[in-house]
PDB file of N, CA and C in Angstrom:
ATOM      1  N   MET A   1       0.807  -1.151   0.357  1.00  0.00           N
ATOM      2  CA  MET A   1      -0.207  -0.099   0.040  1.00  0.00           C
ATOM      3  C   MET A   1       1.101   1.567  -0.133  1.00  0.00           C
ATOM      4  N   GLY A   2       0.624   2.382  -0.969  1.00  0.00           N
ATOM      5  CA  GLY A   2       1.314   3.368  -1.147  1.00  0.00           C
ATOM      6  C   GLY A   2       0.813   4.412  -0.040  1.00  0.00           C
ATOM      7  N   ALA A   3       1.514   5.500   0.126  1.00  0.00           N
ATOM      8  CA  ALA A   3       1.438   6.651   0.796  1.00  0.00           C
ATOM      9  C   ALA A   3       1.568   7.648   0.226  1.00  0.00           C
ATOM     10  N   VAL A   4       0.582   8.624   0.413  1.00  0.00           N
ATOM     11  CA  VAL A   4       1.101  10.289  -0.111  1.00  0.00           C
ATOM     12  C   VAL A   4       1.870  10.868   0.802  1.00  0.00           C
ATOM     13  N   TYR A   5       3.290  11.668   0.330  1.00  0.00           N
ATOM     14  CA  TYR A   5       4.027  12.163   1.345  1.00  0.00           C
ATOM     15  C   TYR A   5       4.366  11.503   2.257  1.00  0.00           C
ATOM     16  N   GLY A   6       4.606  10.010   2.233  1.00  0.00           N
ATOM     17  CA  GLY A   6       5.004   9.330   3.387  1.00  0.00           C
ATOM     18  C   GLY A   6       4.306   9.110   4.320  1.00  0.00           C
ATOM     19  N   ILE A   7       4.867   9.089   5.445  1.00  0.00           N
ATOM     20  CA  ILE A   7       3.944   8.756   6.769  1.00  0.00           C
ATOM     21  C   ILE A   7       3.715  10.270   7.637  1.00  0.00           C
ATOM     22  N   THR A   8       4.037  11.266   7.074  1.00  0.00           N
ATOM     23  CA  THR A   8       3.835  12.254   7.484  1.00  0.00           C
ATOM     24  C   THR A   8       2.315  13.363   7.374  1.00  0.00           C
ATOM     25  N   SER A   9       2.255  14.226   8.009  1.00  0.00           N
ATOM     26  CA  SER A   9       1.255  15.219   7.883  1.00  0.00           C
ATOM     27  C   SER A   9       1.470  16.052   6.960  1.00  0.00           C
ATOM     28  N   PRO A  10       0.593  16.361   5.885  1.00  0.00           N
ATOM     29  CA  PRO A  10       1.430  17.340   4.596  1.00  0.00           C
ATOM     30  C   PRO A  10       0.997  18.778   5.516  1.00  0.00           C
ATOM     31  N   ARG A  11       0.044  18.836   6.161  1.00  0.00           N
ATOM     32  CA  ARG A  11      -0.260  20.116   6.715  1.00  0.00           C
ATOM     33  C   ARG A  11       0.521  20.287   7.747  1.00  0.00           C
ATOM     34  N   LEU A  12       1.152  19.919   8.531  1.00  0.00           N
ATOM     35  CA  LEU A  12       2.532  19.941   9.341  1.00  0.00           C
ATOM     36  C   LEU A  12       3.673  20.402   8.516  1.00  0.00           C
ATOM     37  N   GLN A  13       4.097  18.921   7.730  1.00  0.00           N
ATOM     38  CA  GLN A  13       5.115  19.020   7.360  1.00  0.00           C
ATOM     39  C   GLN A  13       5.536  19.926   6.309  1.00  0.00           C
ATOM     40  N   ILE A  14       4.885  20.216   5.376  1.00  0.00           N
ATOM     41  CA  ILE A  14       5.072  21.157   4.267  1.00  0.00           C
ATOM     42  C   ILE A  14       5.378  22.879   5.024  1.00  0.00           C
ATOM     43  N   PRO A  15       4.676  23.035   5.570  1.00  0.00           N
ATOM     44  CA  PRO A  15       5.074  24.434   6.248  1.00  0.00           C
ATOM     45  C   PRO A  15       6.679  24.347   6.824  1.00  0.00           C
ATOM     46  N   GLN A  16       6.550  23.258   7.354  1.00  0.00           N
ATOM     47  CA  GLN A  16       8.169  23.077   8.240  1.00  0.00           C
ATOM     48  C   GLN A  16       9.039  22.927   6.941  1.00  0.00           C
ATOM     49  N   LEU A  17       9.136  22.285   6.161  1.00  0.00           N
ATOM     50  CA  LEU A  17       9.968  22.144   4.697  1.00  0.00           C
ATOM     51  C   LEU A  17      10.036  23.959   4.128  1.00  0.00           C
ATOM     52  N   LEU A  18       9.353  24.283   4.024  1.00  0.00           N
ATOM     53  CA  LEU A  18       9.367  25.519   3.395  1.00  0.00           C
ATOM     54  C   LEU A  18      10.283  26.436   4.354  1.00  0.00           C
ATOM     55  N   ASP A  19       9.843  26.641   5.638  1.00  0.00           N
ATOM     56  CA  ASP A  19      10.640  27.210   6.477  1.00  0.00           C
ATOM     57  C   ASP A  19      12.024  26.716   6.704  1.00  0.00           C
ATOM     58  N   LEU A  20      12.471  25.671   6.425  1.00  0.00           N
ATOM     59  CA  LEU A  20      13.861  25.140   6.180  1.00  0.00           C
ATOM     60  C   LEU A  20      14.456  25.641   4.855  1.00  0.00           C
ATOM     61  N   TYR A  21      13.747  25.543   4.030  1.00  0.00           N
ATOM     62  CA  TYR A  21      14.128  25.877   2.531  1.00  0.00           C
ATOM     63  C   TYR A  21      14.390  27.310   2.747  1.00  0.00           C
ATOM     64  N   ARG A  22      13.244  28.345   3.260  1.00  0.00           N
ATOM     65  CA  ARG A  22      13.612  29.492   3.541  1.00  0.00           C
ATOM     66  C   ARG A  22      14.963  30.174   4.077  1.00  0.00           C
ATOM     67  N   LYS A  23      14.978  29.393   5.227  1.00  0.00           N
ATOM     68  CA  LYS A  23      16.390  29.384   6.003  1.00  0.00           C
ATOM     69  C   LYS A  23      17.622  29.264   5.122  1.00  0.00           C
ATOM     70  N   GLY A  24      17.541  28.253   4.194  1.00  0.00           N
ATOM     71  CA  GLY A  24      19.038  28.025   3.767  1.00  0.00           C
ATOM     72  C   GLY A  24      19.445  26.428   4.169  1.00  0.00           C
ATOM     73  N   GLY A  25      18.461  25.790   5.207  1.00  0.00           N
ATOM     74  CA  GLY A  25      18.519  24.522   5.479  1.00  0.00           C
ATOM     75  C   GLY A  25      18.355  23.475   4.497  1.00  0.00           C
ATOM     76  N   LEU A  26      17.087  23.710   3.504  1.00  0.00           N
ATOM     77  CA  LEU A  26      16.879  22.968   2.478  1.00  0.00           C
ATOM     78  C   LEU A  26      17.389  23.272   1.166  1.00  0.00           C
ATOM     79  N   ARG A  27      18.282  22.498   0.591  1.00  0.00           N
ATOM     80  CA  ARG A  27      19.042  23.096  -0.795  1.00  0.00           C
ATOM     81  C   ARG A  27      18.421  22.814  -1.900  1.00  0.00           C
ATOM     82  N   LEU A  28      17.014  23.366  -2.592  1.00  0.00           N
ATOM     83  CA  LEU A  28      16.480  22.612  -3.604  1.00  0.00           C
ATOM     84  C   LEU A  28      16.878  23.524  -4.839  1.00  0.00           C
ATOM     85  N   ASP A  29      17.484  24.711  -4.910  1.00  0.00           N
ATOM     86  CA  ASP A  29      17.757  25.513  -6.122  1.00  0.00           C
ATOM     87  C   ASP A  29      18.612  24.566  -6.761  1.00  0.00           C
ATOM     88  N   GLU A  30      19.798  23.931  -6.266  1.00  0.00           N
ATOM     89  CA  GLU A  30      20.806  23.364  -6.672  1.00  0.00           C
ATOM     90  C   GLU A  30      20.061  21.873  -7.649  1.00  0.00           C
ATOM     91  N   LEU A  31      19.239  21.690  -7.537  1.00  0.00           N
ATOM     92  CA  LEU A  31      18.724  20.259  -7.831  1.00  0.00           C
ATOM     93  C   LEU A  31      17.843  20.835  -9.234  1.00  0.00           C
ATOM     94  N   ILE A  32      17.337  22.146  -9.296  1.00  0.00           N
ATOM     95  CA  ILE A  32      16.800  22.435 -10.730  1.00  0.00           C
ATOM     96  C   ILE A  32      17.792  22.343 -11.943  1.00  0.00           C
ATOM     97  N   THR A  33      17.580  21.432 -13.205  1.00  0.00           N
ATOM     98  CA  THR A  33      18.545  21.688 -14.207  1.00  0.00           C
ATOM     99  C   THR A  33      18.007  22.813 -14.994  1.00  0.00           C
ATOM    100  N   LYS A  34      16.744  23.152 -15.325  1.00  0.00           N
ATOM    101  CA  LYS A  34      16.328  23.898 -16.195  1.00  0.00           C
ATOM    102  C   LYS A  34      14.777  24.543 -15.938  1.00  0.00           C
ATOM    103  N   THR A  35      14.842  25.952 -15.731  1.00  0.00           N
ATOM    104  CA  THR A  35      13.495  26.652 -15.511  1.00  0.00           C
ATOM    105  C   THR A  35      12.800  26.803 -17.030  1.00  0.00           C
ATOM    106  N   TYR A  36      11.674  26.520 -16.929  1.00  0.00           N
ATOM    107  CA  TYR A  36      10.716  26.832 -18.111  1.00  0.00           C
ATOM    108  C   TYR A  36       9.744  27.718 -17.833  1.00  0.00           C
ATOM    109  N   PRO A  37       9.677  29.241 -18.352  1.00  0.00           N
ATOM    110  CA  PRO A  37       8.747  29.969 -18.281  1.00  0.00           C
ATOM    111  C   PRO A  37       7.580  29.761 -19.215  1.00  0.00           C
ATOM    112  N   ASP A  38       6.579  29.432 -18.273  1.00  0.00           N
ATOM    113  CA  ASP A  38       5.011  29.065 -19.129  1.00  0.00           C
ATOM    114  C   ASP A  38       5.325  27.990 -20.614  1.00  0.00           C
ATOM    115  N   GLU A  39       6.588  27.367 -20.316  1.00  0.00           N
ATOM    116  CA  GLU A  39       6.658  26.212 -21.971  1.00  0.00           C
ATOM    117  C   GLU A  39       6.802  24.968 -21.259  1.00  0.00           C
ATOM    118  N   ILE A  40       5.525  24.383 -20.714  1.00  0.00           N
ATOM    119  CA  ILE A  40       5.351  23.225 -20.511  1.00  0.00           C
ATOM    120  C   ILE A  40       5.932  22.005 -21.730  1.00  0.00           C
ATOM    121  N   ASN A  41       5.349  22.557 -22.739  1.00  0.00           N
ATOM    122  CA  ASN A  41       5.430  21.458 -23.857  1.00  0.00           C
ATOM    123  C   ASN A  41       7.035  21.164 -24.487  1.00  0.00           C
ATOM    124  N   ILE A  42       7.854  22.711 -24.211  1.00  0.00           N
ATOM    125  CA  ILE A  42       9.291  22.501 -24.450  1.00  0.00           C
ATOM    126  C   ILE A  42       9.896  21.642 -23.566  1.00  0.00           C
ATOM    127  N   GLY A  43       9.348  21.725 -22.126  1.00  0.00           N
ATOM    128  CA  GLY A  43       9.962  21.116 -20.896  1.00  0.00           C
ATOM    129  C   GLY A  43       9.735  19.773 -21.059  1.00  0.00           C
ATOM    130  N   TYR A  44       8.756  19.265 -21.521  1.00  0.00           N
ATOM    131  CA  TYR A  44       8.474  17.680 -21.793  1.00  0.00           C
ATOM    132  C   TYR A  44       9.493  17.288 -22.845  1.00  0.00           C
ATOM    133  N   ALA A  45       9.474  17.906 -23.893  1.00  0.00           N
ATOM    134  CA  ALA A  45       9.967  17.332 -25.169  1.00  0.00           C
ATOM    135  C   ALA A  45      11.631  17.367 -24.464  1.00  0.00           C
ATOM    136  N   ASP A  46      12.207  18.228 -23.799  1.00  0.00           N
ATOM    137  CA  ASP A  46      13.248  17.731 -23.306  1.00  0.00           C
ATOM    138  C   ASP A  46      13.508  17.061 -22.546  1.00  0.00           C
ATOM    139  N   LEU A  47      12.562  16.846 -21.775  1.00  0.00           N
ATOM    140  CA  LEU A  47      12.822  15.604 -20.566  1.00  0.00           C
ATOM    141  C   LEU A  47      12.776  14.317 -21.752  1.00  0.00           C
ATOM    142  N   GLU A  48      11.959  13.991 -22.351  1.00  0.00           N
ATOM    143  CA  GLU A  48      11.703  13.103 -23.312  1.00  0.00           C
ATOM    144  C   GLU A  48      13.189  12.712 -23.998  1.00  0.00           C
ATOM    145  N   ALA A  49      13.690  13.816 -24.557  1.00  0.00           N
ATOM    146  CA  ALA A  49      14.735  13.519 -25.616  1.00  0.00           C
ATOM    147  C   ALA A  49      16.141  13.510 -24.328  1.00  0.00           C
ATOM    148  N   GLY A  50      16.063  13.407 -22.944  1.00  0.00           N
ATOM    149  CA  GLY A  50      16.972  13.315 -21.960  1.00  0.00           C
ATOM    150  C   GLY A  50      17.866  14.624 -21.972  1.00  0.00           C
ATOM    151  N   LYS A  51      17.407  16.076 -22.349  1.00  0.00           N
ATOM    152  CA  LYS A  51      18.019  16.989 -22.153  1.00  0.00           C
ATOM    153  C   LYS A  51      18.194  17.811 -20.801  1.00  0.00           C
ATOM    154  N   ASN A  52      17.032  17.277 -20.074  1.00  0.00           N
ATOM    155  CA  ASN A  52      16.410  17.745 -18.694  1.00  0.00           C
ATOM    156  C   ASN A  52      16.053  16.616 -17.887  1.00  0.00           C
ATOM    157  N   LEU A  53      16.758  16.347 -16.570  1.00  0.00           N
ATOM    158  CA  LEU A  53      15.911  15.721 -15.803  1.00  0.00           C
ATOM    159  C   LEU A  53      15.227  16.230 -14.479  1.00  0.00           C
ATOM    160  N   ARG A  54      15.450  17.367 -13.931  1.00  0.00           N
ATOM    161  CA  ARG A  54      14.630  17.904 -13.249  1.00  0.00           C
ATOM    162  C   ARG A  54      14.284  19.356 -13.585  1.00  0.00           C
ATOM    163  N   GLY A  55      13.393  19.690 -14.645  1.00  0.00           N
ATOM    164  CA  GLY A  55      13.154  20.773 -14.995  1.00  0.00           C
ATOM    165  C   GLY A  55      11.818  21.466 -14.237  1.00  0.00           C
ATOM    166  N   VAL A  56      11.780  22.823 -13.973  1.00  0.00           N
ATOM    167  CA  VAL A  56      10.532  23.541 -13.192  1.00  0.00           C
ATOM    168  C   VAL A  56       9.898  24.547 -14.267  1.00  0.00           C
ATOM    169  N   VAL A  57       8.954  24.127 -14.371  1.00  0.00           N
ATOM    170  CA  VAL A  57       7.778  25.206 -15.289  1.00  0.00           C
ATOM    171  C   VAL A  57       7.452  26.259 -14.314  1.00  0.00           C
ATOM    172  N   VAL A  58       7.515  27.545 -14.642  1.00  0.00           N
ATOM    173  CA  VAL A  58       7.165  28.383 -13.433  1.00  0.00           C
ATOM    174  C   VAL A  58       5.847  29.414 -14.439  1.00  0.00           C
ATOM    175  N   PHE A  59       5.141  29.244 -13.548  1.00  0.00           N
ATOM    176  CA  PHE A  59       4.015  30.041 -14.363  1.00  0.00           C
ATOM    177  C   PHE A  59       3.536  31.452 -13.672  1.00  0.00           C
ATOM    178  N   ASP A  60       3.773  32.287 -14.575  1.00  0.00           N
ATOM    179  CA  ASP A  60       3.497  33.733 -13.885  1.00  0.00           C
ATOM    180  C   ASP A  60       2.264  34.236 -13.753  1.00  0.00           C
TER     181      ASP A  60
END
């Protein structure tokens, strides 16, 4: 049986993770390979082509 968000409560854990990220204790920015501003189709194409493993689509 699978579990969403592991065995923690998202209502409690997500604010803690956000706080940790804001304080520099959770370094997520280094994991992003490329950002795609409103270009989800290009992001998927790059993923399928093996050009990008951890892309983030940014919607403004």
